[in-house]
Each structure stands twice: as structure tokens, then as C-alpha cells.
PDB file of N, CA and C in Angstrom:
ATOM      1  N   MET A   1     130.102  71.279 166.951  1.00  0.00           N
ATOM      2  CA  MET A   1     129.143  71.752 165.893  1.00  0.00           C
ATOM      3  C   MET A   1     130.078  72.398 165.439  1.00  0.00           C
ATOM      4  N   PRO A   2     130.025  72.190 163.726  1.00  0.00           N
ATOM      5  CA  PRO A   2     131.047  73.960 163.191  1.00  0.00           C
ATOM      6  C   PRO A   2     130.716  75.172 163.349  1.00  0.00           C
ATOM      7  N   GLY A   3     131.351  76.181 163.421  1.00  0.00           N
ATOM      8  CA  GLY A   3     131.370  77.349 163.540  1.00  0.00           C
ATOM      9  C   GLY A   3     130.511  77.776 162.041  1.00  0.00           C
ATOM     10  N   VAL A   4     130.182  79.355 162.303  1.00  0.00           N
ATOM     11  CA  VAL A   4     130.206  80.086 161.276  1.00  0.00           C
ATOM     12  C   VAL A   4     131.406  80.286 160.074  1.00  0.00           C
ATOM     13  N   GLN A   5     132.669  80.370 160.203  1.00  0.00           N
ATOM     14  CA  GLN A   5     133.412  79.675 159.229  1.00  0.00           C
ATOM     15  C   GLN A   5     133.658  78.777 158.816  1.00  0.00           C
ATOM     16  N   GLU A   6     133.781  77.410 159.693  1.00  0.00           N
ATOM     17  CA  GLU A   6     133.537  76.112 158.528  1.00  0.00           C
ATOM     18  C   GLU A   6     132.306  76.248 158.218  1.00  0.00           C
ATOM     19  N   LEU A   7     131.370  76.379 158.094  1.00  0.00           N
ATOM     20  CA  LEU A   7     129.764  76.565 157.564  1.00  0.00           C
ATOM     21  C   LEU A   7     130.273  77.066 156.001  1.00  0.00           C
ATOM     22  N   ILE A   8     130.922  78.557 156.314  1.00  0.00           N
ATOM     23  CA  ILE A   8     131.281  79.309 154.862  1.00  0.00           C
ATOM     24  C   ILE A   8     132.245  78.676 153.714  1.00  0.00           C
ATOM     25  N   VAL A   9     133.141  78.123 154.689  1.00  0.00           N
ATOM     26  CA  VAL A   9     134.050  76.972 153.952  1.00  0.00           C
ATOM     27  C   VAL A   9     133.028  75.946 153.241  1.00  0.00           C
ATOM     28  N   ILE A  10     132.616  75.152 154.197  1.00  0.00           N
ATOM     29  CA  ILE A  10     132.170  73.979 153.383  1.00  0.00           C
ATOM     30  C   ILE A  10     130.503  74.571 152.429  1.00  0.00           C
ATOM     31  N   PHE A  11     130.228  75.528 152.816  1.00  0.00           N
ATOM     32  CA  PHE A  11     129.546  75.890 151.609  1.00  0.00           C
ATOM     33  C   PHE A  11     130.037  76.744 150.517  1.00  0.00           C
ATOM     34  N   LEU A  12     131.282  76.977 150.183  1.00  0.00           N
ATOM     35  CA  LEU A  12     131.804  77.553 148.946  1.00  0.00           C
ATOM     36  C   LEU A  12     132.704  76.068 148.431  1.00  0.00           C
ATOM     37  N   ILE A  13     133.073  75.388 149.044  1.00  0.00           N
ATOM     38  CA  ILE A  13     133.419  74.240 148.745  1.00  0.00           C
ATOM     39  C   ILE A  13     132.477  74.152 147.923  1.00  0.00           C
ATOM     40  N   VAL A  14     131.296  73.287 148.417  1.00  0.00           N
ATOM     41  CA  VAL A  14     129.953  72.645 147.716  1.00  0.00           C
ATOM     42  C   VAL A  14     129.633  73.467 146.313  1.00  0.00           C
ATOM     43  N   VAL A  15     129.307  74.954 146.686  1.00  0.00           N
ATOM     44  CA  VAL A  15     129.465  75.229 145.295  1.00  0.00           C
ATOM     45  C   VAL A  15     130.620  75.778 143.862  1.00  0.00           C
ATOM     46  N   VAL A  16     131.998  75.190 144.478  1.00  0.00           N
ATOM     47  CA  VAL A  16     133.063  74.916 143.894  1.00  0.00           C
ATOM     48  C   VAL A  16     132.407  73.257 142.907  1.00  0.00           C
ATOM     49  N   LEU A  17     132.338  72.939 143.823  1.00  0.00           N
ATOM     50  CA  LEU A  17     132.276  71.221 143.199  1.00  0.00           C
ATOM     51  C   LEU A  17     130.977  71.383 142.131  1.00  0.00           C
ATOM     52  N   PHE A  18     129.625  71.536 142.931  1.00  0.00           N
ATOM     53  CA  PHE A  18     128.256  71.263 142.055  1.00  0.00           C
ATOM     54  C   PHE A  18     127.842  72.501 141.103  1.00  0.00           C
ATOM     55  N   GLY A  19     128.533  73.991 141.175  1.00  0.00           N
ATOM     56  CA  GLY A  19     127.369  74.998 140.638  1.00  0.00           C
ATOM     57  C   GLY A  19     126.901  75.899 141.365  1.00  0.00           C
ATOM     58  N   ALA A  20     126.527  77.005 141.031  1.00  0.00           N
ATOM     59  CA  ALA A  20     125.453  77.672 142.177  1.00  0.00           C
ATOM     60  C   ALA A  20     123.857  77.099 141.103  1.00  0.00           C
ATOM     61  N   SER A  21     124.154  76.950 139.821  1.00  0.00           N
ATOM     62  CA  SER A  21     123.030  77.015 139.555  1.00  0.00           C
ATOM     63  C   SER A  21     122.160  74.926 139.811  1.00  0.00           C
ATOM     64  N   ARG A  22     123.100  74.161 140.082  1.00  0.00           N
ATOM     65  CA  ARG A  22     122.436  72.688 141.082  1.00  0.00           C
ATOM     66  C   ARG A  22     122.755  73.007 142.562  1.00  0.00           C
ATOM     67  N   LEU A  23     122.911  73.939 142.644  1.00  0.00           N
ATOM     68  CA  LEU A  23     122.417  73.890 144.250  1.00  0.00           C
ATOM     69  C   LEU A  23     120.808  73.822 144.463  1.00  0.00           C
ATOM     70  N   PRO A  24     119.661  74.325 143.816  1.00  0.00           N
ATOM     71  CA  PRO A  24     118.498  73.961 144.303  1.00  0.00           C
ATOM     72  C   PRO A  24     118.054  72.717 143.926  1.00  0.00           C
ATOM     73  N   GLN A  25     118.236  72.184 143.162  1.00  0.00           N
ATOM     74  CA  GLN A  25     118.305  70.255 142.653  1.00  0.00           C
ATOM     75  C   GLN A  25     118.907  69.386 143.871  1.00  0.00           C
ATOM     76  N   LEU A  26     120.194  70.213 144.276  1.00  0.00           N
ATOM     77  CA  LEU A  26     120.559  69.086 145.295  1.00  0.00           C
ATOM     78  C   LEU A  26     119.809  69.457 146.636  1.00  0.00           C
ATOM     79  N   GLY A  27     119.372  70.371 147.005  1.00  0.00           N
ATOM     80  CA  GLY A  27     118.778  70.968 148.490  1.00  0.00           C
ATOM     81  C   GLY A  27     117.394  70.177 148.731  1.00  0.00           C
ATOM     82  N   ARG A  28     116.535  69.781 146.997  1.00  0.00           N
ATOM     83  CA  ARG A  28     115.326  69.528 146.744  1.00  0.00           C
ATOM     84  C   ARG A  28     115.394  68.017 147.233  1.00  0.00           C
ATOM     85  N   GLY A  29     116.549  67.641 146.596  1.00  0.00           N
ATOM     86  CA  GLY A  29     116.484  66.450 146.683  1.00  0.00           C
ATOM     87  C   GLY A  29     117.208  64.902 147.808  1.00  0.00           C
ATOM     88  N   LEU A  30     117.934  66.122 148.752  1.00  0.00           N
ATOM     89  CA  LEU A  30     118.470  66.032 150.167  1.00  0.00           C
ATOM     90  C   LEU A  30     116.830  65.968 150.976  1.00  0.00           C
ATOM     91  N   GLY A  31     116.315  67.277 150.883  1.00  0.00           N
ATOM     92  CA  GLY A  31     114.910  66.977 150.900  1.00  0.00           C
ATOM     93  C   GLY A  31     114.153  66.069 150.502  1.00  0.00           C
ATOM     94  N   GLU A  32     113.791  65.628 150.114  1.00  0.00           N
ATOM     95  CA  GLU A  32     112.916  64.407 149.686  1.00  0.00           C
ATOM     96  C   GLU A  32     113.542  63.105 150.229  1.00  0.00           C
ATOM     97  N   GLY A  33     114.636  62.966 150.129  1.00  0.00           N
ATOM     98  CA  GLY A  33     115.417  62.025 150.361  1.00  0.00           C
ATOM     99  C   GLY A  33     115.509  61.806 152.441  1.00  0.00           C
ATOM    100  N   ILE A  34     115.313  62.810 153.128  1.00  0.00           N
ATOM    101  CA  ILE A  34     115.110  63.001 154.772  1.00  0.00           C
ATOM    102  C   ILE A  34     113.778  62.482 154.890  1.00  0.00           C
ATOM    103  N   SER A  35     113.006  63.485 154.261  1.00  0.00           N
ATOM    104  CA  SER A  35     111.323  62.938 153.461  1.00  0.00           C
ATOM    105  C   SER A  35     110.763  61.504 153.841  1.00  0.00           C
ATOM    106  N   ASN A  36     111.717  60.930 152.765  1.00  0.00           N
ATOM    107  CA  ASN A  36     110.858  59.493 152.717  1.00  0.00           C
ATOM    108  C   ASN A  36     112.066  58.502 153.732  1.00  0.00           C
ATOM    109  N   PHE A  37     112.974  58.716 154.317  1.00  0.00           N
ATOM    110  CA  PHE A  37     113.675  58.297 155.185  1.00  0.00           C
ATOM    111  C   PHE A  37     112.789  58.350 156.858  1.00  0.00           C
ATOM    112  N   LYS A  38     112.255  59.567 156.931  1.00  0.00           N
ATOM    113  CA  LYS A  38     111.073  59.979 158.014  1.00  0.00           C
ATOM    114  C   LYS A  38     110.019  59.081 157.926  1.00  0.00           C
ATOM    115  N   LYS A  39     109.344  58.763 156.796  1.00  0.00           N
ATOM    116  CA  LYS A  39     107.986  58.524 156.162  1.00  0.00           C
ATOM    117  C   LYS A  39     108.644  56.787 156.279  1.00  0.00           C
ATOM    118  N   GLY A  40     110.267  56.453 156.682  1.00  0.00           N
ATOM    119  CA  GLY A  40     110.089  54.323 156.540  1.00  0.00           C
ATOM    120  C   GLY A  40     110.189  54.510 157.801  1.00  0.00           C
ATOM    121  N   LEU A  41     110.898  55.244 158.790  1.00  0.00           N
ATOM    122  CA  LEU A  41     111.377  55.069 160.406  1.00  0.00           C
ATOM    123  C   LEU A  41     109.237  54.910 160.748  1.00  0.00           C
ATOM    124  N   LYS A  42     108.692  55.680 160.203  1.00  0.00           N
ATOM    125  CA  LYS A  42     107.438  55.875 160.882  1.00  0.00           C
ATOM    126  C   LYS A  42     107.127  55.013 160.883  1.00  0.00           C
ATOM    127  N   SER A  43     106.876  54.258 159.350  1.00  0.00           N
ATOM    128  CA  SER A  43     105.530  53.007 158.736  1.00  0.00           C
ATOM    129  C   SER A  43     106.460  51.392 159.935  1.00  0.00           C
ATOM    130  N   ALA A  44     108.274  51.667 159.787  1.00  0.00           N
ATOM    131  CA  ALA A  44     108.503  50.857 160.532  1.00  0.00           C
ATOM    132  C   ALA A  44     107.977  50.345 162.284  1.00  0.00           C
ATOM    133  N   GLU A  45     107.903  51.830 162.990  1.00  0.00           N
ATOM    134  CA  GLU A  45     107.559  52.063 164.247  1.00  0.00           C
ATOM    135  C   GLU A  45     105.812  50.880 164.127  1.00  0.00           C
ATOM    136  N   ASP A  46     105.142  51.621 162.965  1.00  0.00           N
ATOM    137  CA  ASP A  46     104.398  51.232 163.532  1.00  0.00           C
ATOM    138  C   ASP A  46     103.602  49.600 162.629  1.00  0.00           C
ATOM    139  N   GLY A  47     104.809  48.876 162.387  1.00  0.00           N
ATOM    140  CA  GLY A  47     104.422  47.730 162.342  1.00  0.00           C
ATOM    141  C   GLY A  47     104.257  47.420 160.918  1.00  0.00           C
ATOM    142  N   GLU A  48     104.712  47.978 160.124  1.00  0.00           N
ATOM    143  CA  GLU A  48     104.596  47.969 158.687  1.00  0.00           C
ATOM    144  C   GLU A  48     106.023  47.412 157.744  1.00  0.00           C
ATOM    145  N   SER A  49     105.141  46.393 156.651  1.00  0.00           N
ATOM    146  CA  SER A  49     106.435  46.317 156.641  1.00  0.00           C
ATOM    147  C   SER A  49     106.860  46.981 155.623  1.00  0.00           C
ATOM    148  N   ASN A  50     108.067  47.068 154.888  1.00  0.00           N
ATOM    149  CA  ASN A  50     108.981  48.004 153.564  1.00  0.00           C
ATOM    150  C   ASN A  50     107.810  47.516 152.216  1.00  0.00           C
ATOM    151  N   SER A  51     107.617  46.272 152.302  1.00  0.00           N
ATOM    152  CA  SER A  51     106.574  45.563 150.679  1.00  0.00           C
ATOM    153  C   SER A  51     105.346  46.265 150.844  1.00  0.00           C
ATOM    154  N   ASP A  52     104.771  46.023 152.168  1.00  0.00           N
ATOM    155  CA  ASP A  52     103.353  47.271 151.563  1.00  0.00           C
ATOM    156  C   ASP A  52     103.440  48.323 151.567  1.00  0.00           C
ATOM    157  N   ALA A  53     105.015  49.212 151.962  1.00  0.00           N
ATOM    158  CA  ALA A  53     105.010  50.805 151.627  1.00  0.00           C
ATOM    159  C   ALA A  53     104.858  51.383 149.950  1.00  0.00           C
ATOM    160  N   ARG A  54     105.219  50.067 149.251  1.00  0.00           N
ATOM    161  CA  ARG A  54     105.583  50.296 147.991  1.00  0.00           C
ATOM    162  C   ARG A  54     104.207  50.913 146.800  1.00  0.00           C
ATOM    163  N   PRO A  55     103.995  51.397 146.273  1.00  0.00           N
ATOM    164  CA  PRO A  55     103.012  51.753 145.129  1.00  0.00           C
ATOM    165  C   PRO A  55     102.939  50.234 144.135  1.00  0.00           C
ATOM    166  N   GLU A  56     101.361  50.905 144.050  1.00  0.00           N
ATOM    167  CA  GLU A  56     100.783  49.786 143.516  1.00  0.00           C
ATOM    168  C   GLU A  56     101.298  49.108 142.330  1.00  0.00           C
ATOM    169  N   ASN A  57     101.765  49.910 141.573  1.00  0.00           N
ATOM    170  CA  ASN A  57     102.356  49.769 139.992  1.00  0.00           C
ATOM    171  C   ASN A  57     103.993  49.009 140.447  1.00  0.00           C
ATOM    172  N   GLU A  58     104.390  49.749 141.409  1.00  0.00           N
ATOM    173  CA  GLU A  58     105.619  48.249 141.689  1.00  0.00           C
ATOM    174  C   GLU A  58     105.004  46.921 142.306  1.00  0.00           C
ATOM    175  N   LYS A  59     104.277  47.054 142.794  1.00  0.00           N
ATOM    176  CA  LYS A  59     103.767  45.711 143.203  1.00  0.00           C
ATOM    177  C   LYS A  59     103.074  44.691 141.980  1.00  0.00           C
ATOM    178  N   ALA A  60     102.855  45.115 141.366  1.00  0.00           N
ATOM    179  CA  ALA A  60     102.611  44.266 140.185  1.00  0.00           C
ATOM    180  C   ALA A  60     104.040  44.017 139.621  1.00  0.00           C
ATOM    181  N   LYS A  61     105.157  44.785 139.135  1.00  0.00           N
ATOM    182  CA  LYS A  61     106.181  44.629 138.652  1.00  0.00           C
ATOM    183  C   LYS A  61     107.430  43.109 139.237  1.00  0.00           C
ATOM    184  N   GLY A  62     106.654  43.079 140.401  1.00  0.00           N
ATOM    185  CA  GLY A  62     107.123  42.041 141.129  1.00  0.00           C
ATOM    186  C   GLY A  62     108.467  42.681 142.404  1.00  0.00           C
TER     187      GLY A  62
END
């Protein structure tokens, strides 16, 4: 488990790479990705196939 100093260094590197204004967007995208991943795992545990999880408008496209 990284300590406080390591976390600060990682945070500073992320700020330098992406800029402070993009951090909320990155966090939101990461949160949505994790949420979708958890939903996918839950649907797989329930025995649903991935094709059933697609919205109706995507099913019509193919």
C-alpha cells in the first residue's frame, strides 16, 4: 500500500500530465467506468448475457 508521500507524488504527476481543469472529467469517467464494470459483473453473476444488457437502440443497429 502506497504511503502518503507516494500518493502526493502520483497526484502531482497526474496534475502535470492532464492539467488541473481536466481532473474532474477524469474522475467522473473513471467512476462511470468502475460503475459499468460492476454492473457487468453483477449481470454475469445473474446469468444474463452481455448482448441482453445493450440498450434497445443498439440492438436494432446490429
